[in-house]
Amino acid sequence: MRGQVKLPLTPAYGFGFERRSLALALRLLDERPQLFTSAFREQARTLLGIGAVKVEALGRWAVCSGLMTPAGQGHQLSSLGHVVASFDPSLEEIGTWWLIHESLTRRHEPWGWYTCEFLRTSFSMAELDEGIKASFEIKSDRAVQNARRALVAAMTRTPLGPELGLMVESSQGLFERRPTDPATVNPALVGYAVMSWARTGRRLTANTEELLVDRGPGVVLGLTRSSLDVLLEQAEDRYREEVLWASHTAGLNSVAFSEETQPLHLVDAYYLERLEGREPYAALQYARTEGLSARLLATANSGASANG
């Protein structure tokens, strides 16, 4: 029981989101940073084509997706959001949805719980409700229903459920979680997830087993040990050990992480490979020196230095 986590009761927490609405919000945000403020709610309803409560819910999901961040009295695209919106404005790439899923697992508590703790491969909505109620501090059944409805809606009305295999309706009233197909997870995205995890924990090395427990990146991506090993080796080879490198000496399997390559560089490299056809190592080099990620990180570092 995670007694410190309370599920909110506001109606907005009972709604998921759809690809079209999220993509449209990202396109509107640069010129309308007030899009998700209460004062702009009526205009947002018209622009987004959804109801007021769904507008509020979409704003929460956009922040949890890692694509949007609070700024002043409104919001702005995050660095990740800038890269995604630049390369994949319609959110059509499956890699984009792996990025969103990874961020949701860290920022949206019920999502993280479902991904890393509710590990049933087949379940009913009643069983999902029971799992939520047993895992969170619950004030009413309404909170349970809100969390479940939002989770299921976001899974089933976006590629997150059916294309990533996170939640697929198998028969009337029954859902299943399917094993991750390693072919859908680009090595650059595995590198991004692993390096984000390492940066959060201020780690330069890790035992491979650590990546496969609790909310480690292997668990988040739904990878088996063998699949993770293969994808880590691919990332090591494709980027010539300038992202990570594995060690298998004396029976100890560990991974070391580059201090020069930042997680955002790998997102940039992924899109450069997929959408522009660049060779992986060349894509990474461009991302680190001239790409959008390099410019965004330079701006962020400049702002941090000025405020410091």
C-alpha atoms as a PDB file:
ATOM      1  CA  MET A   1       0.000   0.000   0.000  1.00  0.00           C
ATOM      2  CA  ARG A   2       1.467   3.338  -1.049  1.00  0.00           C
ATOM      3  CA  GLY A   3      -0.274   5.416   1.583  1.00  0.00           C
ATOM      4  CA  GLN A   4       1.495   8.621   0.584  1.00  0.00           C
ATOM      5  CA  VAL A   5      -0.165   8.687  -2.877  1.00  0.00           C
ATOM      6  CA  LYS A   6      -3.723   9.977  -3.091  1.00  0.00           C
ATOM      7  CA  LEU A   7      -5.770   9.763  -6.265  1.00  0.00           C
ATOM      8  CA  PRO A   8      -7.537  13.079  -6.976  1.00  0.00           C
ATOM      9  CA  LEU A   9     -11.305  13.326  -7.315  1.00  0.00           C
ATOM     10  CA  THR A  10     -11.716  16.128  -9.866  1.00  0.00           C
ATOM     11  CA  PRO A  11     -13.679  15.113 -12.989  1.00  0.00           C
ATOM     12  CA  ALA A  12     -10.718  15.837 -15.293  1.00  0.00           C
ATOM     13  CA  TYR A  13      -8.862  12.882 -13.822  1.00  0.00           C
ATOM     14  CA  GLY A  14     -11.471  10.537 -15.290  1.00  0.00           C
ATOM     15  CA  PHE A  15     -10.603  11.328 -18.919  1.00  0.00           C
ATOM     16  CA  GLY A  16      -7.880  10.068 -21.196  1.00  0.00           C
ATOM     17  CA  PHE A  17      -6.713  11.759 -24.386  1.00  0.00           C
ATOM     18  CA  GLU A  18      -6.492  11.099 -28.119  1.00  0.00           C
ATOM     19  CA  ARG A  19      -3.669  11.477 -30.619  1.00  0.00           C
ATOM     20  CA  ARG A  20      -5.431  14.182 -32.650  1.00  0.00           C
ATOM     21  CA  SER A  21      -6.077  16.412 -29.636  1.00  0.00           C
ATOM     22  CA  LEU A  22      -2.546  16.091 -28.267  1.00  0.00           C
ATOM     23  CA  ALA A  23      -0.941  16.768 -31.656  1.00  0.00           C
ATOM     24  CA  LEU A  24      -3.170  19.803 -32.185  1.00  0.00           C
ATOM     25  CA  ALA A  25      -2.359  21.152 -28.711  1.00  0.00           C
ATOM     26  CA  LEU A  26       1.376  20.901 -29.404  1.00  0.00           C
ATOM     27  CA  ARG A  27       0.947  22.845 -32.638  1.00  0.00           C
ATOM     28  CA  LEU A  28      -1.098  25.563 -30.924  1.00  0.00           C
ATOM     29  CA  LEU A  29       1.098  25.973 -27.869  1.00  0.00           C
ATOM     30  CA  ASP A  30       3.857  28.168 -29.313  1.00  0.00           C
ATOM     31  CA  GLU A  31       1.431  30.963 -30.141  1.00  0.00           C
ATOM     32  CA  ARG A  32      -0.981  30.273 -27.290  1.00  0.00           C
ATOM     33  CA  PRO A  33       0.974  29.432 -24.113  1.00  0.00           C
ATOM     34  CA  GLN A  34      -2.212  30.178 -22.144  1.00  0.00           C
ATOM     35  CA  LEU A  35      -4.046  27.320 -23.932  1.00  0.00           C
ATOM     36  CA  PHE A  36      -4.585  25.268 -20.778  1.00  0.00           C
ATOM     37  CA  THR A  37      -5.249  28.071 -18.313  1.00  0.00           C
ATOM     38  CA  SER A  38      -8.707  28.381 -16.780  1.00  0.00           C
ATOM     39  CA  ALA A  39      -9.094  31.900 -18.203  1.00  0.00           C
ATOM     40  CA  PHE A  40      -8.609  30.549 -21.750  1.00  0.00           C
ATOM     41  CA  ARG A  41     -10.834  27.477 -21.288  1.00  0.00           C
ATOM     42  CA  GLU A  42     -13.669  28.558 -23.601  1.00  0.00           C
ATOM     43  CA  GLN A  43     -11.300  29.478 -26.451  1.00  0.00           C
ATOM     44  CA  ALA A  44      -9.446  26.206 -25.929  1.00  0.00           C
ATOM     45  CA  ARG A  45     -12.705  24.275 -26.271  1.00  0.00           C
ATOM     46  CA  THR A  46     -13.257  25.826 -29.679  1.00  0.00           C
ATOM     47  CA  LEU A  47      -9.677  25.423 -30.860  1.00  0.00           C
ATOM     48  CA  LEU A  48      -9.314  21.825 -29.714  1.00  0.00           C
ATOM     49  CA  GLY A  49     -12.869  20.728 -30.455  1.00  0.00           C
ATOM     50  CA  ILE A  50     -13.391  19.057 -27.073  1.00  0.00           C
ATOM     51  CA  GLY A  51     -15.294  19.892 -23.885  1.00  0.00           C
ATOM     52  CA  ALA A  52     -13.972  21.997 -21.030  1.00  0.00           C
ATOM     53  CA  VAL A  53     -13.270  19.070 -18.711  1.00  0.00           C
ATOM     54  CA  LYS A  54     -11.458  17.220 -21.489  1.00  0.00           C
ATOM     55  CA  VAL A  55      -9.354  20.339 -22.116  1.00  0.00           C
ATOM     56  CA  GLU A  56      -8.249  20.288 -18.476  1.00  0.00           C
ATOM     57  CA  ALA A  57      -7.546  16.560 -18.692  1.00  0.00           C
ATOM     58  CA  LEU A  58      -5.550  16.979 -21.902  1.00  0.00           C
ATOM     59  CA  GLY A  59      -3.379  19.608 -20.256  1.00  0.00           C
ATOM     60  CA  ARG A  60      -2.538  17.223 -17.429  1.00  0.00           C
ATOM     61  CA  TRP A  61      -1.729  14.408 -19.854  1.00  0.00           C
ATOM     62  CA  ALA A  62       0.433  16.704 -21.991  1.00  0.00           C
ATOM     63  CA  VAL A  63       2.553  17.600 -18.945  1.00  0.00           C
ATOM     64  CA  CYS A  64       2.798  13.965 -17.847  1.00  0.00           C
ATOM     65  CA  SER A  65       3.760  12.939 -21.387  1.00  0.00           C
ATOM     66  CA  GLY A  66       6.906  15.042 -21.006  1.00  0.00           C
ATOM     67  CA  LEU A  67       6.048  17.061 -24.124  1.00  0.00           C
ATOM     68  CA  MET A  68       4.815  20.168 -22.300  1.00  0.00           C
ATOM     69  CA  THR A  69       5.997  21.963 -19.188  1.00  0.00           C
ATOM     70  CA  PRO A  70       4.590  24.815 -17.051  1.00  0.00           C
ATOM     71  CA  ALA A  71       6.058  28.212 -17.889  1.00  0.00           C
ATOM     72  CA  GLY A  72       5.030  31.479 -16.258  1.00  0.00           C
ATOM     73  CA  GLN A  73       1.259  31.695 -16.220  1.00  0.00           C
ATOM     74  CA  GLY A  74       0.892  29.068 -18.929  1.00  0.00           C
ATOM     75  CA  HIS A  75       2.821  26.257 -20.614  1.00  0.00           C
ATOM     76  CA  GLN A  76       5.444  25.709 -23.281  1.00  0.00           C
ATOM     77  CA  LEU A  77       6.863  22.785 -25.190  1.00  0.00           C
ATOM     78  CA  SER A  78       9.543  20.949 -23.259  1.00  0.00           C
ATOM     79  CA  SER A  79      12.862  20.198 -24.937  1.00  0.00           C
ATOM     80  CA  LEU A  80      11.519  16.722 -25.716  1.00  0.00           C
ATOM     81  CA  GLY A  81       8.307  18.294 -27.003  1.00  0.00           C
ATOM     82  CA  HIS A  82      10.240  20.587 -29.337  1.00  0.00           C
ATOM     83  CA  VAL A  83      12.094  17.656 -30.912  1.00  0.00           C
ATOM     84  CA  VAL A  84       8.956  15.525 -31.237  1.00  0.00           C
ATOM     85  CA  ALA A  85       6.854  18.374 -32.643  1.00  0.00           C
ATOM     86  CA  SER A  86       9.585  19.260 -35.139  1.00  0.00           C
ATOM     87  CA  PHE A  87       9.998  15.757 -36.565  1.00  0.00           C
ATOM     88  CA  ASP A  88       6.629  14.113 -35.913  1.00  0.00           C
ATOM     89  CA  PRO A  89       3.958  16.831 -35.558  1.00  0.00           C
ATOM     90  CA  SER A  90       1.093  14.393 -36.182  1.00  0.00           C
ATOM     91  CA  LEU A  91       2.491  11.884 -33.627  1.00  0.00           C
ATOM     92  CA  GLU A  92       2.500   9.039 -36.133  1.00  0.00           C
ATOM     93  CA  GLU A  93       5.830   7.378 -35.327  1.00  0.00           C
ATOM     94  CA  ILE A  94       5.657   4.384 -32.988  1.00  0.00           C
ATOM     95  CA  GLY A  95       8.894   5.631 -31.422  1.00  0.00           C
ATOM     96  CA  THR A  96       7.098   8.816 -30.403  1.00  0.00           C
ATOM     97  CA  TRP A  97       4.636   6.718 -28.423  1.00  0.00           C
ATOM     98  CA  TRP A  98       7.433   4.797 -26.702  1.00  0.00           C
ATOM     99  CA  LEU A  99       8.834   8.185 -25.625  1.00  0.00           C
ATOM    100  CA  ILE A 100       5.424   9.269 -24.346  1.00  0.00           C
ATOM    101  CA  HIS A 101       4.977   5.970 -22.522  1.00  0.00           C
ATOM    102  CA  GLU A 102       8.378   6.262 -20.848  1.00  0.00           C
ATOM    103  CA  SER A 103       7.523   9.761 -19.614  1.00  0.00           C
ATOM    104  CA  LEU A 104       4.046   8.756 -18.430  1.00  0.00           C
ATOM    105  CA  THR A 105       5.547   5.925 -16.400  1.00  0.00           C
ATOM    106  CA  ARG A 106       7.661   8.447 -14.487  1.00  0.00           C
ATOM    107  CA  ARG A 107       5.117  11.266 -14.186  1.00  0.00           C
ATOM    108  CA  HIS A 108       1.646   9.708 -14.050  1.00  0.00           C
ATOM    109  CA  GLU A 109       1.353   7.571 -10.930  1.00  0.00           C
ATOM    110  CA  PRO A 110      -1.422   5.179 -12.063  1.00  0.00           C
ATOM    111  CA  TRP A 111       0.392   4.708 -15.377  1.00  0.00           C
ATOM    112  CA  GLY A 112       3.633   3.844 -13.621  1.00  0.00           C
ATOM    113  CA  TRP A 113       1.787   1.458 -11.328  1.00  0.00           C
ATOM    114  CA  TYR A 114       0.068  -0.302 -14.232  1.00  0.00           C
ATOM    115  CA  THR A 115       3.293  -0.589 -16.240  1.00  0.00           C
ATOM    116  CA  CYS A 116       5.625  -1.765 -13.492  1.00  0.00           C
ATOM    117  CA  GLU A 117       3.474  -3.294 -10.756  1.00  0.00           C
ATOM    118  CA  PHE A 118       0.204  -4.575 -12.209  1.00  0.00           C
ATOM    119  CA  LEU A 119       1.880  -7.265 -14.268  1.00  0.00           C
ATOM    120  CA  ARG A 120      -1.100  -9.431 -15.191  1.00  0.00           C
ATOM    121  CA  THR A 121      -1.195 -10.493 -18.817  1.00  0.00           C
ATOM    122  CA  SER A 122      -5.008 -10.846 -18.844  1.00  0.00           C
ATOM    123  CA  PHE A 123      -7.556  -9.042 -16.678  1.00  0.00           C
ATOM    124  CA  SER A 124     -11.038  -7.605 -16.386  1.00  0.00           C
ATOM    125  CA  MET A 125     -11.974  -4.048 -15.485  1.00  0.00           C
ATOM    126  CA  ALA A 126     -13.084  -5.288 -12.059  1.00  0.00           C
ATOM    127  CA  GLU A 127      -9.623  -6.759 -11.468  1.00  0.00           C
ATOM    128  CA  LEU A 128      -8.034  -3.500 -12.594  1.00  0.00           C
ATOM    129  CA  ASP A 129     -10.246  -1.605 -10.123  1.00  0.00           C
ATOM    130  CA  GLU A 130      -9.242  -3.997  -7.346  1.00  0.00           C
ATOM    131  CA  GLY A 131      -5.558  -3.489  -8.142  1.00  0.00           C
ATOM    132  CA  ILE A 132      -5.879   0.298  -8.038  1.00  0.00           C
ATOM    133  CA  LYS A 133      -7.823   0.204  -4.781  1.00  0.00           C
ATOM    134  CA  ALA A 134      -5.244  -2.067  -3.155  1.00  0.00           C
ATOM    135  CA  SER A 135      -2.275   0.020  -4.284  1.00  0.00           C
ATOM    136  CA  PHE A 136      -3.321   3.597  -3.514  1.00  0.00           C
ATOM    137  CA  GLU A 137      -4.822   5.535  -0.656  1.00  0.00           C
ATOM    138  CA  ILE A 138      -8.449   5.634  -1.706  1.00  0.00           C
ATOM    139  CA  LYS A 139     -11.083   8.037  -0.405  1.00  0.00           C
ATOM    140  CA  SER A 140     -13.967   6.795  -2.546  1.00  0.00           C
ATOM    141  CA  ASP A 141     -14.884   4.402  -5.315  1.00  0.00           C
ATOM    142  CA  ARG A 142     -15.154   7.432  -7.569  1.00  0.00           C
ATOM    143  CA  ALA A 143     -11.384   7.957  -7.349  1.00  0.00           C
ATOM    144  CA  VAL A 144     -10.812   4.346  -8.365  1.00  0.00           C
ATOM    145  CA  GLN A 145     -13.183   4.690 -11.305  1.00  0.00           C
ATOM    146  CA  ASN A 146     -11.587   7.979 -12.389  1.00  0.00           C
ATOM    147  CA  ALA A 147      -8.118   6.454 -12.398  1.00  0.00           C
ATOM    148  CA  ARG A 148      -9.240   3.344 -14.263  1.00  0.00           C
ATOM    149  CA  ARG A 149     -11.344   5.203 -16.844  1.00  0.00           C
ATOM    150  CA  ALA A 150      -8.545   7.627 -17.631  1.00  0.00           C
ATOM    151  CA  LEU A 151      -5.968   4.842 -17.878  1.00  0.00           C
ATOM    152  CA  VAL A 152      -8.104   2.682 -20.148  1.00  0.00           C
ATOM    153  CA  ALA A 153      -9.168   5.620 -22.332  1.00  0.00           C
ATOM    154  CA  ALA A 154      -5.573   6.783 -22.866  1.00  0.00           C
ATOM    155  CA  MET A 155      -4.462   3.239 -23.633  1.00  0.00           C
ATOM    156  CA  THR A 156      -7.243   2.271 -26.024  1.00  0.00           C
ATOM    157  CA  ARG A 157      -7.758   5.594 -27.855  1.00  0.00           C
ATOM    158  CA  THR A 158      -4.101   6.115 -28.741  1.00  0.00           C
ATOM    159  CA  PRO A 159      -1.396   3.798 -30.132  1.00  0.00           C
ATOM    160  CA  LEU A 160      -0.173   3.230 -26.560  1.00  0.00           C
ATOM    161  CA  GLY A 161      -2.500   0.278 -26.018  1.00  0.00           C
ATOM    162  CA  PRO A 162      -2.913  -1.531 -29.335  1.00  0.00           C
ATOM    163  CA  GLU A 163       0.379  -0.725 -31.101  1.00  0.00           C
ATOM    164  CA  LEU A 164       2.702  -0.947 -28.104  1.00  0.00           C
ATOM    165  CA  GLY A 165       0.698  -3.877 -26.742  1.00  0.00           C
ATOM    166  CA  LEU A 166       0.238  -2.287 -23.326  1.00  0.00           C
ATOM    167  CA  MET A 167      -3.526  -2.876 -23.226  1.00  0.00           C
ATOM    168  CA  VAL A 168      -5.521  -4.673 -25.904  1.00  0.00           C
ATOM    169  CA  GLU A 169      -9.158  -5.777 -25.669  1.00  0.00           C
ATOM    170  CA  SER A 170      -9.107  -9.537 -26.199  1.00  0.00           C
ATOM    171  CA  SER A 171     -12.795 -10.332 -25.727  1.00  0.00           C
ATOM    172  CA  GLN A 172     -15.909  -8.783 -24.276  1.00  0.00           C
ATOM    173  CA  GLY A 173     -14.835  -7.115 -21.035  1.00  0.00           C
ATOM    174  CA  LEU A 174     -11.372  -8.685 -20.976  1.00  0.00           C
ATOM    175  CA  PHE A 175      -8.053  -7.045 -21.751  1.00  0.00           C
ATOM    176  CA  GLU A 176      -4.517  -8.304 -22.139  1.00  0.00           C
ATOM    177  CA  ARG A 177      -0.992  -6.960 -22.053  1.00  0.00           C
ATOM    178  CA  ARG A 178       1.108  -8.378 -24.861  1.00  0.00           C
ATOM    179  CA  PRO A 179       4.868  -8.997 -24.754  1.00  0.00           C
ATOM    180  CA  THR A 180       6.884  -6.166 -26.265  1.00  0.00           C
ATOM    181  CA  ASP A 181       8.083  -6.863 -29.765  1.00  0.00           C
ATOM    182  CA  PRO A 182      11.771  -5.813 -29.613  1.00  0.00           C
ATOM    183  CA  ALA A 183      11.577  -4.873 -33.299  1.00  0.00           C
ATOM    184  CA  THR A 184       9.277  -1.961 -32.380  1.00  0.00           C
ATOM    185  CA  VAL A 185      11.823  -0.488 -29.949  1.00  0.00           C
ATOM    186  CA  ASN A 186      14.647   1.281 -31.765  1.00  0.00           C
ATOM    187  CA  PRO A 187      18.063   0.964 -30.007  1.00  0.00           C
ATOM    188  CA  ALA A 188      18.217   4.777 -29.847  1.00  0.00           C
ATOM    189  CA  LEU A 189      15.053   4.761 -27.738  1.00  0.00           C
ATOM    190  CA  VAL A 190      16.432   2.078 -25.461  1.00  0.00           C
ATOM    191  CA  GLY A 191      19.514   4.255 -25.078  1.00  0.00           C
ATOM    192  CA  TYR A 192      17.284   7.228 -24.270  1.00  0.00           C
ATOM    193  CA  ALA A 193      15.329   5.313 -21.611  1.00  0.00           C
ATOM    194  CA  VAL A 194      18.426   3.800 -20.016  1.00  0.00           C
ATOM    195  CA  MET A 195      20.364   7.074 -19.988  1.00  0.00           C
ATOM    196  CA  SER A 196      17.373   9.016 -18.612  1.00  0.00           C
ATOM    197  CA  TRP A 197      17.193   6.473 -15.790  1.00  0.00           C
ATOM    198  CA  ALA A 198      20.946   6.796 -15.187  1.00  0.00           C
ATOM    199  CA  ARG A 199      20.852  10.610 -15.208  1.00  0.00           C
ATOM    200  CA  THR A 200      17.972  10.657 -12.721  1.00  0.00           C
ATOM    201  CA  GLY A 201      19.972   8.493 -10.336  1.00  0.00           C
ATOM    202  CA  ARG A 202      23.276  10.260 -11.133  1.00  0.00           C
ATOM    203  CA  ARG A 203      24.702   6.969 -12.267  1.00  0.00           C
ATOM    204  CA  LEU A 204      27.659   6.396 -14.588  1.00  0.00           C
ATOM    205  CA  THR A 205      27.417   2.601 -14.409  1.00  0.00           C
ATOM    206  CA  ALA A 206      24.774   0.029 -13.520  1.00  0.00           C
ATOM    207  CA  ASN A 207      24.444  -3.704 -13.173  1.00  0.00           C
ATOM    208  CA  THR A 208      22.240  -4.951 -15.992  1.00  0.00           C
ATOM    209  CA  GLU A 209      19.910  -6.576 -13.475  1.00  0.00           C
ATOM    210  CA  GLU A 210      19.103  -3.141 -12.033  1.00  0.00           C
ATOM    211  CA  LEU A 211      17.542  -2.172 -15.358  1.00  0.00           C
ATOM    212  CA  LEU A 212      15.047  -5.023 -15.033  1.00  0.00           C
ATOM    213  CA  VAL A 213      13.617  -4.425 -11.561  1.00  0.00           C
ATOM    214  CA  ASP A 214      11.239  -1.930  -9.948  1.00  0.00           C
ATOM    215  CA  ARG A 215      10.751   0.922 -12.446  1.00  0.00           C
ATOM    216  CA  GLY A 216      13.939   0.327 -14.374  1.00  0.00           C
ATOM    217  CA  PRO A 217      13.923   0.995 -18.125  1.00  0.00           C
ATOM    218  CA  GLY A 218      13.749  -2.695 -19.000  1.00  0.00           C
ATOM    219  CA  VAL A 219      10.529  -3.017 -17.008  1.00  0.00           C
ATOM    220  CA  VAL A 220       9.118   0.217 -18.456  1.00  0.00           C
ATOM    221  CA  LEU A 221       9.739  -1.014 -22.007  1.00  0.00           C
ATOM    222  CA  GLY A 222       8.474  -4.506 -21.218  1.00  0.00           C
ATOM    223  CA  LEU A 223      11.715  -6.183 -22.293  1.00  0.00           C
ATOM    224  CA  THR A 224      13.012  -9.593 -21.313  1.00  0.00           C
ATOM    225  CA  ARG A 225      16.623  -9.956 -20.205  1.00  0.00           C
ATOM    226  CA  SER A 226      17.638 -11.402 -23.568  1.00  0.00           C
ATOM    227  CA  SER A 227      15.840  -8.658 -25.530  1.00  0.00           C
ATOM    228  CA  LEU A 228      17.408  -5.942 -23.388  1.00  0.00           C
ATOM    229  CA  ASP A 229      20.878  -7.446 -23.855  1.00  0.00           C
ATOM    230  CA  VAL A 230      20.450  -7.490 -27.637  1.00  0.00           C
ATOM    231  CA  LEU A 231      19.184  -3.906 -27.792  1.00  0.00           C
ATOM    232  CA  LEU A 232      21.964  -2.638 -25.514  1.00  0.00           C
ATOM    233  CA  GLU A 233      24.545  -4.347 -27.716  1.00  0.00           C
ATOM    234  CA  GLN A 234      22.954  -2.779 -30.789  1.00  0.00           C
ATOM    235  CA  ALA A 235      23.084   0.659 -29.184  1.00  0.00           C
ATOM    236  CA  GLU A 236      26.733   0.096 -28.236  1.00  0.00           C
ATOM    237  CA  ASP A 237      27.685  -0.975 -31.773  1.00  0.00           C
ATOM    238  CA  ARG A 238      25.578   1.518 -33.747  1.00  0.00           C
ATOM    239  CA  TYR A 239      26.901   4.499 -31.810  1.00  0.00           C
ATOM    240  CA  ARG A 240      30.481   3.208 -31.402  1.00  0.00           C
ATOM    241  CA  GLU A 241      30.392   3.195 -27.601  1.00  0.00           C
ATOM    242  CA  GLU A 242      29.587   6.917 -27.482  1.00  0.00           C
ATOM    243  CA  VAL A 243      26.246   6.245 -25.757  1.00  0.00           C
ATOM    244  CA  LEU A 244      26.904   3.216 -23.582  1.00  0.00           C
ATOM    245  CA  TRP A 245      29.053   0.124 -23.451  1.00  0.00           C
ATOM    246  CA  ALA A 246      28.545  -3.221 -21.765  1.00  0.00           C
ATOM    247  CA  SER A 247      30.988  -5.321 -19.769  1.00  0.00           C
ATOM    248  CA  HIS A 248      30.671  -9.076 -19.279  1.00  0.00           C
ATOM    249  CA  THR A 249      33.809  -9.792 -17.250  1.00  0.00           C
ATOM    250  CA  ALA A 250      33.955 -12.349 -14.431  1.00  0.00           C
ATOM    251  CA  GLY A 251      30.275 -13.110 -14.783  1.00  0.00           C
ATOM    252  CA  LEU A 252      29.317  -9.558 -13.883  1.00  0.00           C
ATOM    253  CA  ASN A 253      27.143  -7.859 -16.486  1.00  0.00           C
ATOM    254  CA  SER A 254      27.260  -4.081 -16.276  1.00  0.00           C
ATOM    255  CA  VAL A 255      26.621  -1.045 -18.440  1.00  0.00           C
ATOM    256  CA  ALA A 256      28.567   2.225 -18.455  1.00  0.00           C
ATOM    257  CA  PHE A 257      27.095   5.476 -19.744  1.00  0.00           C
ATOM    258  CA  SER A 258      28.686   8.294 -21.706  1.00  0.00           C
ATOM    259  CA  GLU A 259      28.850  11.672 -19.996  1.00  0.00           C
ATOM    260  CA  GLU A 260      29.020  13.529 -23.327  1.00  0.00           C
ATOM    261  CA  THR A 261      25.886  12.138 -24.935  1.00  0.00           C
ATOM    262  CA  GLN A 262      22.633  13.415 -23.459  1.00  0.00           C
ATOM    263  CA  PRO A 263      19.319  11.506 -23.635  1.00  0.00           C
ATOM    264  CA  LEU A 264      17.815  14.211 -25.859  1.00  0.00           C
ATOM    265  CA  HIS A 265      20.577  13.654 -28.430  1.00  0.00           C
ATOM    266  CA  LEU A 266      19.282  10.099 -28.878  1.00  0.00           C
ATOM    267  CA  VAL A 267      15.736  11.296 -29.542  1.00  0.00           C
ATOM    268  CA  ASP A 268      17.092  13.614 -32.207  1.00  0.00           C
ATOM    269  CA  ALA A 269      19.221  10.802 -33.654  1.00  0.00           C
ATOM    270  CA  TYR A 270      16.242   8.442 -33.726  1.00  0.00           C
ATOM    271  CA  TYR A 271      14.213  10.787 -35.913  1.00  0.00           C
ATOM    272  CA  LEU A 272      17.208  11.611 -38.114  1.00  0.00           C
ATOM    273  CA  GLU A 273      17.656   7.893 -38.741  1.00  0.00           C
ATOM    274  CA  ARG A 274      13.988   7.080 -39.235  1.00  0.00           C
ATOM    275  CA  LEU A 275      12.787  10.087 -41.180  1.00  0.00           C
ATOM    276  CA  GLU A 276      15.914  11.343 -42.964  1.00  0.00           C
ATOM    277  CA  GLY A 277      17.659   8.015 -43.496  1.00  0.00           C
ATOM    278  CA  ARG A 278      20.913   8.976 -41.797  1.00  0.00           C
ATOM    279  CA  GLU A 279      23.355   6.314 -40.692  1.00  0.00           C
ATOM    280  CA  PRO A 280      23.057   5.852 -36.889  1.00  0.00           C
ATOM    281  CA  TYR A 281      26.489   7.120 -35.860  1.00  0.00           C
ATOM    282  CA  ALA A 282      26.307  10.058 -38.289  1.00  0.00           C
ATOM    283  CA  ALA A 283      22.849  10.894 -36.935  1.00  0.00           C
ATOM    284  CA  LEU A 284      24.188  10.946 -33.365  1.00  0.00           C
ATOM    285  CA  GLN A 285      27.151  13.120 -34.319  1.00  0.00           C
ATOM    286  CA  TYR A 286      24.895  15.602 -36.089  1.00  0.00           C
ATOM    287  CA  ALA A 287      22.466  15.619 -33.158  1.00  0.00           C
ATOM    288  CA  ARG A 288      25.284  16.368 -30.704  1.00  0.00           C
ATOM    289  CA  THR A 289      26.854  19.176 -32.750  1.00  0.00           C
ATOM    290  CA  GLU A 290      24.347  20.829 -35.076  1.00  0.00           C
ATOM    291  CA  GLY A 291      20.968  19.216 -34.465  1.00  0.00           C
ATOM    292  CA  LEU A 292      17.905  20.601 -32.748  1.00  0.00           C
ATOM    293  CA  SER A 293      18.788  18.788 -29.528  1.00  0.00           C
ATOM    294  CA  ALA A 294      22.228  20.439 -29.437  1.00  0.00           C
ATOM    295  CA  ARG A 295      20.663  23.877 -29.869  1.00  0.00           C
ATOM    296  CA  LEU A 296      18.000  23.235 -27.237  1.00  0.00           C
ATOM    297  CA  LEU A 297      20.536  21.974 -24.706  1.00  0.00           C
ATOM    298  CA  ALA A 298      22.855  24.919 -25.395  1.00  0.00           C
ATOM    299  CA  THR A 299      19.977  27.328 -24.779  1.00  0.00           C
ATOM    300  CA  ALA A 300      19.021  25.535 -21.575  1.00  0.00           C
ATOM    301  CA  ASN A 301      22.615  25.571 -20.322  1.00  0.00           C
ATOM    302  CA  SER A 302      22.955  29.260 -21.205  1.00  0.00           C
ATOM    303  CA  GLY A 303      19.805  30.078 -19.248  1.00  0.00           C
ATOM    304  CA  ALA A 304      20.982  28.041 -16.278  1.00  0.00           C
ATOM    305  CA  SER A 305      24.335  29.859 -16.285  1.00  0.00           C
ATOM    306  CA  ALA A 306      22.619  33.267 -16.455  1.00  0.00           C
ATOM    307  CA  ASN A 307      20.374  32.360 -13.514  1.00  0.00           C
ATOM    308  CA  GLY A 308      23.238  30.886 -11.553  1.00  0.00           C
END
